[in-house]
């Protein structure tokens, strides 16, 4: 016998008895158990799209004579969520029932357990919550359309229901709160459970096929608890960030997605056209930075936006905030306070409802370690950098690369050369939360800059937070001089032209806006998806996105349905 039959083993009196009634009950039990066992076997083999089983399921449901997709009756008085049920009636003692109190629960069937021919147990789930329903044929009723009254459910009606029920079906169950002798909080059904939406496929109990998971994300989230808990954690992290910023007086705003230029410091934009302007070139923004600083100019001194950032992934989510009169030390303190709070929240969730996720092993104790970009590189390489603001610095650094046989980047601009050195020597040192501060000016064209008194290099008032060797946060004091910003834009355009071979325009409208007086402002950005990966112990960014990366989304859209639903479904 399979594992399902073992867990559904009938009472001993049926096994020991030799009466024909007991034998018939025993046979009926194993007949139903074999059906469920075959369903489980098909599910475990991931044959979830079998046209044959799909057709059999359709025919079976049609023959039941029931409405398969009924309108859901709105009864606010009796309906209760599984979570509220579990918390509201946890006080019940074993064998205690709340008499005179009927309510209804809805959820997806996770398992069905039969005990003889007249007793069944259904596990319903809503999100992370699970409630057991106890169905006794002798005590439940069924609505009779002919008499418009409820009467006792017949044995045939009871058997028919449990012949049709499948893992994955959505049911509504009306009954009384009850705790079993073994201490299981349950709902004691007073009416025959009602199907409110069937699952037409065999829902797997285990799903490892990566291609199927990508193309059927909705199934993946039903079957793989960790996949669903990762998205739940993502939602909690975003809510916590939003609440944190609002608590400190930040206003949430939304900025344009499409404009005549993409904006941002090192962006390669996606270009398109609009019906309203068929002959005009418009671009998908790569960051909301320029727009947000325009709002600071307009008097919104503490603002933030949660949105997409096209520089990484079509669905990559970022959070950026801008605060007038906040310098780099204040930005660093705010970041450390926020991440400590997020780590605490994550730990509580993983110990509670999201217990399928591994505990976060990263120590976010403050203050975080700090590395000075130039000083740390010079120490690690035993090399003294030339004046990086000099026009010959790029050639000097390239020469050093060749002498030390360091692999050159594809495009040998000074920013790319310095980025390569950071990736080679600094980022591997940042396993625990570590700040890399005071980057060379050419690496942060939108940041204010100054001459470092120790290295005598022109550096930016910028800090990047790395965890596990990967960038998590980028923050700096914003350049508010229109003259300095023009110089830096022109320098940036030069590097871009060398990089891509295409001309790049200076954002004149932003420079004009700066002439109205931008207060000293601190800017901050964090990749939400990478943060969720870090706190959830996930290795792939596609696993923290609701529908994965662009390749996953395109694959999902290419799924072809060979047969159309004809079971009372609207087109």
Protein backbone atom coordinates (compact mmCIF):
# COMPACT_ATOMS: atom_id res chain seq x y z
CA UNK A 1 0.00 0.00 0.00
CA UNK A 2 1.12 3.57 -0.68
CA UNK A 3 1.83 6.21 1.91
CA UNK A 4 -1.61 7.76 1.47
CA UNK A 5 -3.38 4.47 2.15
CA UNK A 6 -1.28 3.95 5.26
CA UNK A 7 -2.26 7.33 6.67
CA UNK A 8 -5.92 6.58 5.81
CA UNK A 9 -5.94 3.14 7.37
CA UNK A 10 -9.52 2.25 8.48
CA UNK A 11 -10.51 1.59 12.06
CA UNK A 12 -9.45 -1.78 13.46
CA UNK A 13 -13.04 -2.92 13.99
CA UNK A 14 -13.50 -2.92 10.19
CA UNK A 15 -10.42 -5.09 9.74
CA UNK A 16 -11.27 -7.57 12.47
CA UNK A 17 -14.95 -7.87 11.72
CA UNK A 18 -16.08 -10.59 9.33
CA UNK A 19 -19.58 -9.21 8.70
CA UNK A 20 -20.59 -8.38 5.17
CA UNK A 21 -21.33 -4.76 6.16
CA UNK A 22 -17.87 -4.29 7.62
CA UNK A 23 -16.26 -5.99 4.62
CA UNK A 24 -18.18 -3.70 2.25
CA UNK A 25 -17.09 -0.64 4.22
CA UNK A 26 -13.52 -1.89 4.16
CA UNK A 27 -13.64 -2.35 0.38
CA UNK A 28 -15.24 1.06 -0.15
CA UNK A 29 -12.51 2.64 1.94
CA UNK A 30 -9.74 1.08 -0.11
CA UNK A 31 -11.55 1.82 -3.36
CA UNK A 32 -11.56 5.54 -2.53
CA UNK A 33 -8.03 5.37 -1.13
CA UNK A 34 -6.75 3.78 -4.36
CA UNK A 35 -8.29 6.62 -6.38
CA UNK A 36 -6.56 9.20 -4.18
CA UNK A 37 -3.34 7.17 -4.26
CA UNK A 38 -3.33 7.15 -8.07
CA UNK A 39 -3.98 10.91 -8.04
CA UNK A 40 -1.05 11.39 -5.66
CA UNK A 41 1.22 9.22 -7.82
CA UNK A 42 0.36 11.20 -10.94
CA UNK A 43 0.99 14.41 -9.04
CA UNK A 44 4.34 13.25 -7.75
CA UNK A 45 5.37 12.34 -11.28
CA UNK A 46 4.35 15.88 -12.29
CA UNK A 47 1.92 14.70 -14.96
CA UNK A 48 -0.17 17.75 -14.19
CA UNK A 49 -1.12 18.66 -17.75
CA UNK A 50 -2.23 15.21 -18.89
CA UNK A 51 -5.02 15.75 -21.37
CA UNK A 52 -6.49 12.34 -20.50
CA UNK A 53 -6.80 13.04 -16.77
CA UNK A 54 -8.02 16.53 -17.53
CA UNK A 55 -10.83 15.19 -19.71
CA UNK A 56 -11.83 12.57 -17.15
CA UNK A 57 -11.98 15.28 -14.49
CA UNK A 58 -14.22 17.43 -16.69
CA UNK A 59 -16.62 14.59 -17.39
CA UNK A 60 -16.79 13.64 -13.71
CA UNK A 61 -17.58 17.19 -12.67
CA UNK A 62 -20.23 17.59 -15.37
CA UNK A 63 -21.94 14.39 -14.23
CA UNK A 64 -22.20 15.63 -10.64
CA UNK A 65 -25.08 17.93 -11.58
CA UNK A 66 -23.67 20.71 -9.40
CA UNK A 67 -22.88 24.27 -10.40
CA UNK A 68 -19.11 24.26 -10.63
CA UNK A 69 -18.47 28.00 -10.48
CA UNK A 70 -21.27 29.45 -8.34
CA UNK A 71 -21.44 33.06 -7.29
CA UNK A 72 -19.97 33.39 -3.87
CA UNK A 73 -22.69 34.26 -1.33
CA UNK A 74 -21.70 37.32 0.65
CA UNK A 75 -22.45 36.71 4.31
CA UNK A 76 -20.27 38.95 6.40
CA UNK A 77 -21.91 37.71 9.59
CA UNK A 78 -20.78 34.10 9.25
CA UNK A 79 -17.68 34.18 7.04
CA UNK A 80 -14.31 34.03 8.81
CA UNK A 81 -10.73 33.75 7.60
CA UNK A 82 -8.69 30.72 8.62
CA UNK A 83 -6.27 32.93 10.54
CA UNK A 84 -9.02 34.59 12.58
CA UNK A 85 -10.56 31.18 13.22
CA UNK A 86 -7.28 29.76 14.56
CA UNK A 87 -6.63 32.74 16.82
CA UNK A 88 -10.23 33.36 17.88
CA UNK A 89 -10.93 29.80 19.07
CA UNK A 90 -7.55 28.67 20.35
CA UNK A 91 -8.99 28.70 23.87
CA UNK A 92 -11.19 25.63 23.21
CA UNK A 93 -10.43 22.57 25.32
CA UNK A 94 -10.23 19.04 23.85
CA UNK A 95 -13.69 17.71 22.84
CA UNK A 96 -15.23 21.19 23.29
CA UNK A 97 -17.63 22.58 20.68
CA UNK A 98 -19.05 26.09 20.43
CA UNK A 99 -22.76 25.40 20.23
CA UNK A 100 -25.14 27.90 18.65
CA UNK A 101 -22.28 29.49 16.69
CA UNK A 102 -22.10 28.60 12.99
CA UNK A 103 -19.59 30.15 10.65
CA UNK A 104 -18.12 29.41 7.24
CA UNK A 105 -14.51 28.95 6.14
CA UNK A 106 -13.18 28.97 2.60
CA UNK A 107 -9.91 27.65 1.29
CA UNK A 108 -8.03 25.30 -0.98
CA UNK A 109 -8.05 21.57 -0.25
CA UNK A 110 -4.59 20.33 0.73
CA UNK A 111 -5.52 16.84 1.80
CA UNK A 112 -8.49 14.54 2.40
CA UNK A 113 -8.48 11.76 4.97
CA UNK A 114 -11.25 9.16 5.13
CA UNK A 115 -12.22 7.03 8.09
CA UNK A 116 -14.79 4.46 7.04
CA UNK A 117 -17.61 5.49 4.73
CA UNK A 118 -19.22 8.18 6.91
CA UNK A 119 -16.37 10.22 8.34
CA UNK A 120 -13.89 12.43 6.50
CA UNK A 121 -11.33 15.11 7.31
CA UNK A 122 -10.46 17.95 4.93
CA UNK A 123 -7.50 20.28 5.35
CA UNK A 124 -8.25 23.77 4.01
CA UNK A 125 -5.52 26.36 3.50
CA UNK A 126 -5.50 30.12 3.12
CA UNK A 127 -2.00 31.41 2.60
CA UNK A 128 0.12 30.05 5.44
CA UNK A 129 -2.88 29.02 7.58
CA UNK A 130 -4.44 25.57 7.63
CA UNK A 131 -7.70 24.45 9.27
CA UNK A 132 -9.06 20.93 9.56
CA UNK A 133 -12.73 20.32 8.71
CA UNK A 134 -14.41 17.31 10.30
CA UNK A 135 -17.29 15.92 8.19
CA UNK A 136 -19.60 13.33 9.74
CA UNK A 137 -22.34 12.13 7.39
CA UNK A 138 -24.67 11.46 10.32
CA UNK A 139 -24.74 15.09 11.47
CA UNK A 140 -24.43 17.24 8.34
CA UNK A 141 -27.28 18.58 6.22
CA UNK A 142 -27.81 19.36 2.56
CA UNK A 143 -30.07 21.92 0.89
CA UNK A 144 -32.91 20.36 -1.08
CA UNK A 145 -33.98 22.58 -4.02
CA UNK A 146 -37.36 20.84 -4.28
CA UNK A 147 -38.42 21.68 -0.72
CA UNK A 148 -36.21 24.77 -0.36
CA UNK A 149 -35.14 23.39 3.02
CA UNK A 150 -32.14 21.71 4.61
CA UNK A 151 -32.37 18.04 5.48
CA UNK A 152 -29.93 15.35 6.50
CA UNK A 153 -27.35 14.52 3.83
CA UNK A 154 -27.78 11.00 2.49
CA UNK A 155 -24.94 8.49 2.38
CA UNK A 156 -25.02 8.69 -1.42
CA UNK A 157 -24.62 12.48 -1.36
CA UNK A 158 -21.74 12.12 1.08
CA UNK A 159 -19.97 9.50 -1.05
CA UNK A 160 -20.55 11.47 -4.26
CA UNK A 161 -18.91 14.53 -2.75
CA UNK A 162 -15.80 12.65 -1.70
CA UNK A 163 -15.57 10.88 -5.06
CA UNK A 164 -15.36 14.29 -6.73
CA UNK A 165 -13.17 16.19 -4.29
CA UNK A 166 -9.54 16.67 -5.33
CA UNK A 167 -6.46 18.26 -3.87
CA UNK A 168 -6.42 21.86 -5.12
CA UNK A 169 -10.21 22.34 -5.18
CA UNK A 170 -11.63 25.42 -3.49
CA UNK A 171 -14.37 24.68 -0.95
CA UNK A 172 -16.63 26.53 1.44
CA UNK A 173 -17.45 24.73 4.69
CA UNK A 174 -20.06 25.78 7.21
CA UNK A 175 -19.90 24.50 10.74
CA UNK A 176 -19.09 24.99 14.41
CA UNK A 177 -15.71 25.61 16.07
CA UNK A 178 -14.56 22.36 17.69
CA UNK A 179 -11.42 20.89 19.20
CA UNK A 180 -10.94 17.15 18.78
CA UNK A 181 -9.98 14.75 21.55
CA UNK A 182 -6.40 14.85 20.27
CA UNK A 183 -6.35 18.66 20.54
CA UNK A 184 -6.75 19.59 16.86
CA UNK A 185 -8.74 22.82 16.41
CA UNK A 186 -11.28 22.09 13.67
CA UNK A 187 -14.52 23.18 12.14
CA UNK A 188 -17.27 20.61 12.70
CA UNK A 189 -19.24 20.69 9.45
CA UNK A 190 -22.99 21.15 9.79
CA UNK A 191 -23.63 21.29 6.05
CA UNK A 192 -22.20 19.31 3.17
CA UNK A 193 -19.04 21.13 2.00
CA UNK A 194 -19.67 23.17 -1.15
CA UNK A 195 -17.35 23.28 -4.12
CA UNK A 196 -16.82 26.92 -5.17
CA UNK A 197 -14.11 26.42 -7.81
CA UNK A 198 -12.63 23.10 -8.96
CA UNK A 199 -9.01 22.40 -9.84
CA UNK A 200 -9.15 20.66 -13.22
CA UNK A 201 -5.62 19.25 -12.99
CA UNK A 202 -3.84 16.91 -10.60
CA UNK A 203 -2.10 19.30 -8.21
CA UNK A 204 1.42 17.96 -7.48
CA UNK A 205 2.58 17.30 -3.95
CA UNK A 206 6.16 17.98 -5.05
CA UNK A 207 7.34 20.04 -8.01
CA UNK A 208 10.99 20.06 -9.07
CA UNK A 209 10.74 20.46 -12.85
CA UNK A 210 12.24 23.93 -13.39
CA UNK A 211 10.72 24.50 -16.81
CA UNK A 212 7.24 23.63 -15.57
CA UNK A 213 7.67 25.85 -12.53
CA UNK A 214 8.62 28.81 -14.73
CA UNK A 215 5.76 28.30 -17.18
CA UNK A 216 3.23 27.66 -14.44
CA UNK A 217 4.22 30.02 -11.64
CA UNK A 218 0.70 29.83 -10.15
CA UNK A 219 1.17 26.09 -9.62
CA UNK A 220 4.68 26.56 -8.28
CA UNK A 221 3.39 28.97 -5.63
CA UNK A 222 0.66 26.54 -4.58
CA UNK A 223 2.99 23.56 -4.28
CA UNK A 224 6.33 24.99 -3.14
CA UNK A 225 5.85 26.66 0.22
CA UNK A 226 9.26 28.32 0.14
CA UNK A 227 8.51 30.02 -3.20
CA UNK A 228 5.31 31.49 -1.77
CA UNK A 229 6.93 32.47 1.54
CA UNK A 230 9.68 34.32 -0.35
CA UNK A 231 7.08 36.54 -2.00
CA UNK A 232 5.31 37.03 1.34
CA UNK A 233 8.61 38.14 2.87
CA UNK A 234 9.12 40.50 -0.07
CA UNK A 235 5.75 42.12 0.65
CA UNK A 236 6.59 42.48 4.35
CA UNK A 237 9.99 44.04 3.58
CA UNK A 238 8.45 46.62 1.24
CA UNK A 239 5.78 47.45 3.83
CA UNK A 240 8.42 47.80 6.55
CA UNK A 241 10.54 50.15 4.41
CA UNK A 242 7.48 52.26 3.59
CA UNK A 243 6.42 52.43 7.25
CA UNK A 244 9.97 53.29 8.35
CA UNK A 245 10.26 56.21 5.95
CA UNK A 246 6.77 57.52 6.70
CA UNK A 247 7.51 57.37 10.42
CA UNK A 248 10.48 59.70 9.84
CA UNK A 249 8.38 62.16 7.87
CA UNK A 250 8.98 61.11 4.24
CA UNK A 251 6.18 61.49 1.68
CA UNK A 252 5.72 58.80 -0.97
CA UNK A 253 5.54 60.08 -4.55
CA UNK A 254 5.32 58.70 -8.09
CA UNK A 255 7.36 60.02 -11.01
CA UNK A 256 7.10 59.52 -14.81
CA UNK A 257 8.13 56.22 -16.39
CA UNK A 258 8.54 57.57 -19.94
CA UNK A 259 10.24 60.83 -20.93
CA UNK A 260 12.34 62.33 -23.68
CA UNK A 261 15.50 61.22 -21.82
CA UNK A 262 16.05 58.32 -19.46
CA UNK A 263 17.83 60.25 -16.72
CA UNK A 264 20.18 58.73 -14.19
CA UNK A 265 23.93 58.71 -14.05
CA UNK A 266 25.11 55.68 -16.01
CA UNK A 267 22.03 54.63 -17.89
CA UNK A 268 21.45 52.84 -21.18
CA UNK A 269 17.86 53.48 -21.95
CA UNK A 270 15.18 51.44 -23.66
CA UNK A 271 13.85 53.59 -26.52
CA UNK A 272 10.33 53.52 -27.92
CA UNK A 273 7.63 55.74 -29.42
CA UNK A 274 4.15 56.74 -28.31
CA UNK A 275 0.92 56.99 -30.27
CA UNK A 276 0.65 60.65 -29.26
CA UNK A 277 4.17 61.36 -30.60
CA UNK A 278 4.83 58.84 -33.43
CA UNK A 279 7.86 60.75 -34.74
CA UNK A 280 9.36 61.55 -31.36
CA UNK A 281 11.99 59.48 -29.56
CA UNK A 282 11.07 58.68 -25.92
CA UNK A 283 12.88 56.54 -23.38
CA UNK A 284 11.98 54.33 -20.43
CA UNK A 285 13.53 55.86 -17.35
CA UNK A 286 16.42 54.03 -15.78
CA UNK A 287 16.04 55.73 -12.39
CA UNK A 288 13.69 58.30 -10.83
CA UNK A 289 16.59 60.33 -9.43
CA UNK A 290 16.32 63.46 -11.60
CA UNK A 291 12.54 63.64 -11.16
CA UNK A 292 12.75 63.25 -7.39
CA UNK A 293 15.31 66.03 -7.07
CA UNK A 294 13.00 68.29 -9.06
CA UNK A 295 10.39 67.66 -6.34
CA UNK A 296 12.94 68.57 -3.65
CA UNK A 297 13.49 71.78 -5.61
CA UNK A 298 9.73 72.31 -5.44
CA UNK A 299 9.70 72.15 -1.65
CA UNK A 300 9.12 68.43 -0.95
CA UNK A 301 12.13 68.10 1.30
CA UNK A 302 11.73 64.47 2.40
CA UNK A 303 10.37 62.12 -0.29
CA UNK A 304 10.69 58.53 -1.47
CA UNK A 305 9.53 56.33 -4.32
CA UNK A 306 9.21 52.58 -4.71
CA UNK A 307 9.29 51.60 -8.36
CA UNK A 308 11.02 49.85 -11.23
CA UNK A 309 14.60 50.34 -12.36
CA UNK A 310 15.24 49.24 -15.93
CA UNK A 311 19.03 49.14 -15.54
CA UNK A 312 18.86 45.66 -14.01
CA UNK A 313 15.63 43.86 -14.85
CA UNK A 314 12.28 44.81 -16.39
CA UNK A 315 10.70 44.12 -13.02
CA UNK A 316 13.61 45.14 -10.80
CA UNK A 317 12.24 47.13 -7.87
CA UNK A 318 14.10 49.94 -6.17
CA UNK A 319 13.47 52.35 -3.34
CA UNK A 320 14.96 55.84 -3.50
CA UNK A 321 14.62 58.58 -0.94
CA UNK A 322 15.86 62.17 -0.87
CA UNK A 323 16.24 64.31 2.22
CA UNK A 324 17.09 68.01 2.27
CA UNK A 325 19.82 69.05 4.71
CA UNK A 326 21.11 65.51 5.26
CA UNK A 327 24.79 64.69 4.70
CA UNK A 328 26.63 61.42 4.19
CA UNK A 329 27.01 60.55 7.91
CA UNK A 330 23.23 60.93 8.40
CA UNK A 331 22.52 58.78 5.33
CA UNK A 332 24.78 56.03 6.67
CA UNK A 333 23.12 56.14 10.11
CA UNK A 334 19.63 55.97 8.58
CA UNK A 335 20.64 52.98 6.44
CA UNK A 336 22.07 51.04 9.37
CA UNK A 337 18.97 51.74 11.46
CA UNK A 338 16.66 50.57 8.64
CA UNK A 339 18.56 47.35 7.89
CA UNK A 340 18.75 46.42 11.57
CA UNK A 341 14.97 46.84 11.76
CA UNK A 342 14.43 44.77 8.60
CA UNK A 343 16.67 41.98 9.91
CA UNK A 344 14.67 41.86 13.16
CA UNK A 345 11.35 41.76 11.29
CA UNK A 346 12.62 39.00 8.99
CA UNK A 347 13.82 36.93 11.94
CA UNK A 348 10.38 37.17 13.59
CA UNK A 349 8.58 36.17 10.38
CA UNK A 350 10.86 33.20 9.71
CA UNK A 351 10.36 31.97 13.28
CA UNK A 352 6.61 32.40 12.77
CA UNK A 353 4.39 32.06 9.69
CA UNK A 354 7.20 31.99 7.08
CA UNK A 355 9.01 29.06 8.65
CA UNK A 356 9.89 27.39 5.34
CA UNK A 357 12.63 30.01 4.84
CA UNK A 358 16.12 29.51 6.29
CA UNK A 359 17.21 31.84 9.10
CA UNK A 360 19.26 34.86 8.03
CA UNK A 361 22.86 34.33 9.15
CA UNK A 362 24.09 37.89 8.49
CA UNK A 363 25.03 39.99 11.50
CA UNK A 364 23.63 43.51 11.08
CA UNK A 365 25.12 44.81 14.31
CA UNK A 366 26.03 48.48 13.98
CA UNK A 367 28.20 50.31 13.13
CA UNK A 368 29.06 48.58 9.85
CA UNK A 369 32.66 48.26 8.72
CA UNK A 370 34.02 51.02 6.41
CA UNK A 371 36.64 50.93 3.64
CA UNK A 372 37.99 54.04 1.94
CA UNK A 373 38.01 53.37 -1.83
CA UNK A 374 41.39 54.81 -2.81
CA UNK A 375 43.29 54.19 0.43
CA UNK A 376 42.14 50.57 0.63
CA UNK A 377 43.01 49.90 -3.04
CA UNK A 378 46.47 51.46 -2.70
CA UNK A 379 47.12 49.35 0.40
CA UNK A 380 45.86 46.11 -1.19
CA UNK A 381 47.78 46.67 -4.45
CA UNK A 382 50.85 48.38 -3.02
CA UNK A 383 50.35 51.01 -5.70
CA UNK A 384 50.06 54.79 -5.66
CA UNK A 385 47.39 56.12 -8.00
CA UNK A 386 48.18 59.08 -10.24
CA UNK A 387 46.00 62.18 -10.01
CA UNK A 388 42.74 60.66 -11.24
CA UNK A 389 41.42 64.07 -12.27
CA UNK A 390 44.29 64.49 -14.75
CA UNK A 391 43.62 63.80 -18.43
CA UNK A 392 46.46 61.21 -18.61
CA UNK A 393 45.18 59.19 -15.64
CA UNK A 394 43.30 56.71 -17.82
CA UNK A 395 46.48 55.83 -19.73
CA UNK A 396 48.45 55.49 -16.49
CA UNK A 397 45.90 53.15 -14.91
CA UNK A 398 45.69 51.10 -18.14
CA UNK A 399 49.48 50.73 -18.09
CA UNK A 400 49.31 49.46 -14.51
CA UNK A 401 46.69 46.86 -15.56
CA UNK A 402 49.00 45.50 -18.25
CA UNK A 403 52.04 45.43 -15.99
CA UNK A 404 50.15 43.43 -13.35
CA UNK A 405 48.36 41.28 -15.95
CA UNK A 406 44.92 42.30 -14.67
CA UNK A 407 42.16 41.56 -17.17
CA UNK A 408 41.08 44.79 -18.87
CA UNK A 409 37.37 45.64 -19.21
CA UNK A 410 35.88 45.59 -22.70
CA UNK A 411 35.68 49.41 -22.83
CA UNK A 412 38.74 51.00 -21.23
CA UNK A 413 37.30 54.15 -19.75
CA UNK A 414 38.60 55.36 -16.40
CA UNK A 415 35.32 54.57 -14.56
CA UNK A 416 35.31 51.01 -15.91
CA UNK A 417 38.95 50.49 -14.99
CA UNK A 418 38.33 51.65 -11.42
CA UNK A 419 35.18 49.52 -11.20
CA UNK A 420 37.22 46.48 -12.22
CA UNK A 421 39.76 47.15 -9.48
CA UNK A 422 37.00 47.52 -6.91
CA UNK A 423 35.46 44.21 -7.99
CA UNK A 424 38.89 42.54 -7.85
CA UNK A 425 40.25 43.88 -4.56
CA UNK A 426 37.53 45.53 -2.47
CA UNK A 427 34.21 43.79 -2.96
CA UNK A 428 35.50 40.32 -1.93
CA UNK A 429 36.35 41.88 1.45
CA UNK A 430 32.71 42.85 1.99
CA UNK A 431 31.08 39.63 3.15
CA UNK A 432 29.54 41.18 6.24
CA UNK A 433 27.82 44.57 5.91
CA UNK A 434 30.60 46.90 4.73
CA UNK A 435 30.64 50.47 3.45
CA UNK A 436 32.97 51.48 0.62
CA UNK A 437 33.24 55.26 0.86
CA UNK A 438 34.70 58.21 -1.04
CA UNK A 439 34.87 56.87 -4.59
CA UNK A 440 36.82 58.81 -7.23
CA UNK A 441 34.78 61.68 -8.65
CA UNK A 442 34.38 60.05 -12.10
CA UNK A 443 32.40 57.17 -10.54
CA UNK A 444 29.65 59.44 -9.16
CA UNK A 445 28.80 62.28 -11.58
CA UNK A 446 25.66 63.28 -9.65
CA UNK A 447 27.41 63.43 -6.28
CA UNK A 448 29.13 66.35 -4.61
CA UNK A 449 32.91 65.98 -4.52
CA UNK A 450 35.85 67.25 -2.50
CA UNK A 451 39.61 66.80 -2.20
CA UNK A 452 40.51 64.06 0.28
CA UNK A 453 43.09 65.54 2.69
CA UNK A 454 44.99 62.24 2.98
CA UNK A 455 45.17 61.04 -0.64
CA UNK A 456 44.86 64.50 -2.26
CA UNK A 457 42.50 62.88 -4.78
CA UNK A 458 39.22 64.44 -5.84
CA UNK A 459 36.58 62.06 -4.41
CA UNK A 460 32.81 61.94 -4.11
CA UNK A 461 30.75 62.27 -0.94
CA UNK A 462 29.41 58.77 -1.66
CA UNK A 463 29.05 55.44 0.11
CA UNK A 464 28.10 52.00 -1.20
CA UNK A 465 26.97 49.24 1.15
CA UNK A 466 28.04 45.72 0.22
CA UNK A 467 26.84 42.50 1.83
CA UNK A 468 28.02 39.09 0.70
CA UNK A 469 30.27 40.79 -1.85
CA UNK A 470 27.31 42.44 -3.62
CA UNK A 471 26.13 46.03 -3.67
CA UNK A 472 22.96 46.63 -1.67
CA UNK A 473 22.74 50.40 -1.11
CA UNK A 474 24.12 53.43 -2.95
CA UNK A 475 23.96 56.80 -1.23
CA UNK A 476 25.58 60.21 -1.61
CA UNK A 477 25.32 63.94 -1.13
CA UNK A 478 23.71 65.36 -4.28
CA UNK A 479 25.54 67.87 -6.46
CA UNK A 480 23.50 71.08 -6.26
CA UNK A 481 25.73 73.46 -8.20
CA UNK A 482 24.47 73.82 -11.80
CA UNK A 483 28.02 74.73 -12.87
CA UNK A 484 29.71 71.73 -11.27
CA UNK A 485 26.89 69.48 -12.47
CA UNK A 486 27.40 70.70 -16.05
CA UNK A 487 31.11 69.88 -15.82
CA UNK A 488 30.36 66.41 -14.49
CA UNK A 489 27.66 65.77 -17.10
CA UNK A 490 30.12 66.71 -19.84
CA UNK A 491 32.74 64.42 -18.34
CA UNK A 492 30.16 61.63 -18.09
CA UNK A 493 29.12 62.19 -21.74
CA UNK A 494 32.76 61.82 -22.76
CA UNK A 495 33.05 58.46 -21.02
CA UNK A 496 29.74 57.30 -22.48
CA UNK A 497 30.81 58.24 -25.98
CA UNK A 498 34.05 56.29 -25.55
CA UNK A 499 32.07 53.38 -24.17
CA UNK A 500 29.29 53.13 -26.78
CA UNK A 501 30.58 55.14 -29.72
CA UNK A 502 27.36 57.17 -29.66
CA UNK A 503 26.87 60.80 -28.76
CA UNK A 504 25.16 61.58 -25.44
CA UNK A 505 23.35 64.81 -24.68
CA UNK A 506 23.65 66.81 -21.49
CA UNK A 507 20.35 67.12 -19.59
CA UNK A 508 19.87 70.86 -20.06
CA UNK A 509 16.41 70.94 -18.47
CA UNK A 510 17.77 69.52 -15.21
CA UNK A 511 20.64 72.00 -15.18
CA UNK A 512 18.13 74.79 -15.64
CA UNK A 513 16.09 73.43 -12.72
CA UNK A 514 19.20 73.50 -10.50
CA UNK A 515 19.47 77.23 -11.13
CA UNK A 516 16.40 77.69 -8.92
CA UNK A 517 18.38 76.47 -5.90
CA UNK A 518 18.50 72.84 -4.77
CA UNK A 519 19.10 72.66 -1.00
CA UNK A 520 21.94 70.45 0.23
CA UNK A 521 20.35 67.05 -0.24
CA UNK A 522 21.17 63.45 0.58
CA UNK A 523 20.06 60.78 -1.90
CA UNK A 524 19.69 57.05 -1.23
CA UNK A 525 18.85 54.00 -3.35
CA UNK A 526 18.41 50.31 -2.57
CA UNK A 527 17.59 47.33 -4.79
CA UNK A 528 14.58 45.67 -3.18
CA UNK A 529 15.02 42.36 -4.99
CA UNK A 530 18.63 41.93 -3.93
CA UNK A 531 17.62 42.83 -0.37
CA UNK A 532 14.91 40.16 -0.41
CA UNK A 533 17.40 37.63 -1.80
CA UNK A 534 19.75 38.42 1.05
CA UNK A 535 17.17 38.16 3.84
CA UNK A 536 15.36 35.11 2.41
CA UNK A 537 18.49 33.08 1.58
CA UNK A 538 17.57 32.97 -2.13
CA UNK A 539 20.28 32.59 -4.78
CA UNK A 540 18.44 33.69 -7.94
CA UNK A 541 16.80 37.06 -8.50
CA UNK A 542 14.02 35.42 -10.55
CA UNK A 543 12.87 33.61 -7.38
CA UNK A 544 12.08 36.87 -5.57
CA UNK A 545 10.12 38.33 -8.52
CA UNK A 546 6.45 37.30 -8.74
CA UNK A 547 6.88 36.02 -12.31
CA UNK A 548 10.66 35.83 -12.64
CA UNK A 549 12.86 37.65 -15.12
CA UNK A 550 12.05 38.64 -18.69
CA UNK A 551 12.85 35.17 -20.04
CA UNK A 552 10.40 33.67 -17.54
CA UNK A 553 7.69 36.17 -18.42
CA UNK A 554 8.07 35.50 -22.15
CA UNK A 555 7.93 31.74 -21.51
CA UNK A 556 4.77 32.20 -19.45
CA UNK A 557 3.15 34.15 -22.25
CA UNK A 558 4.00 31.42 -24.78
CA UNK A 559 2.06 28.69 -22.97
CA UNK A 560 -0.49 27.25 -25.38
CA UNK A 561 -3.72 25.79 -24.14
CA UNK A 562 -4.71 22.84 -26.35
CA UNK A 563 -8.25 22.61 -25.11
CA UNK A 564 -10.68 25.28 -23.99
CA UNK A 565 -12.55 25.10 -20.72
CA UNK A 566 -16.18 24.38 -21.35
CA UNK A 567 -17.34 23.84 -17.81
CA UNK A 568 -19.48 26.89 -17.19
CA UNK A 569 -16.52 29.24 -17.64
CA UNK A 570 -16.99 32.69 -19.07
CA UNK A 571 -14.85 33.54 -22.12
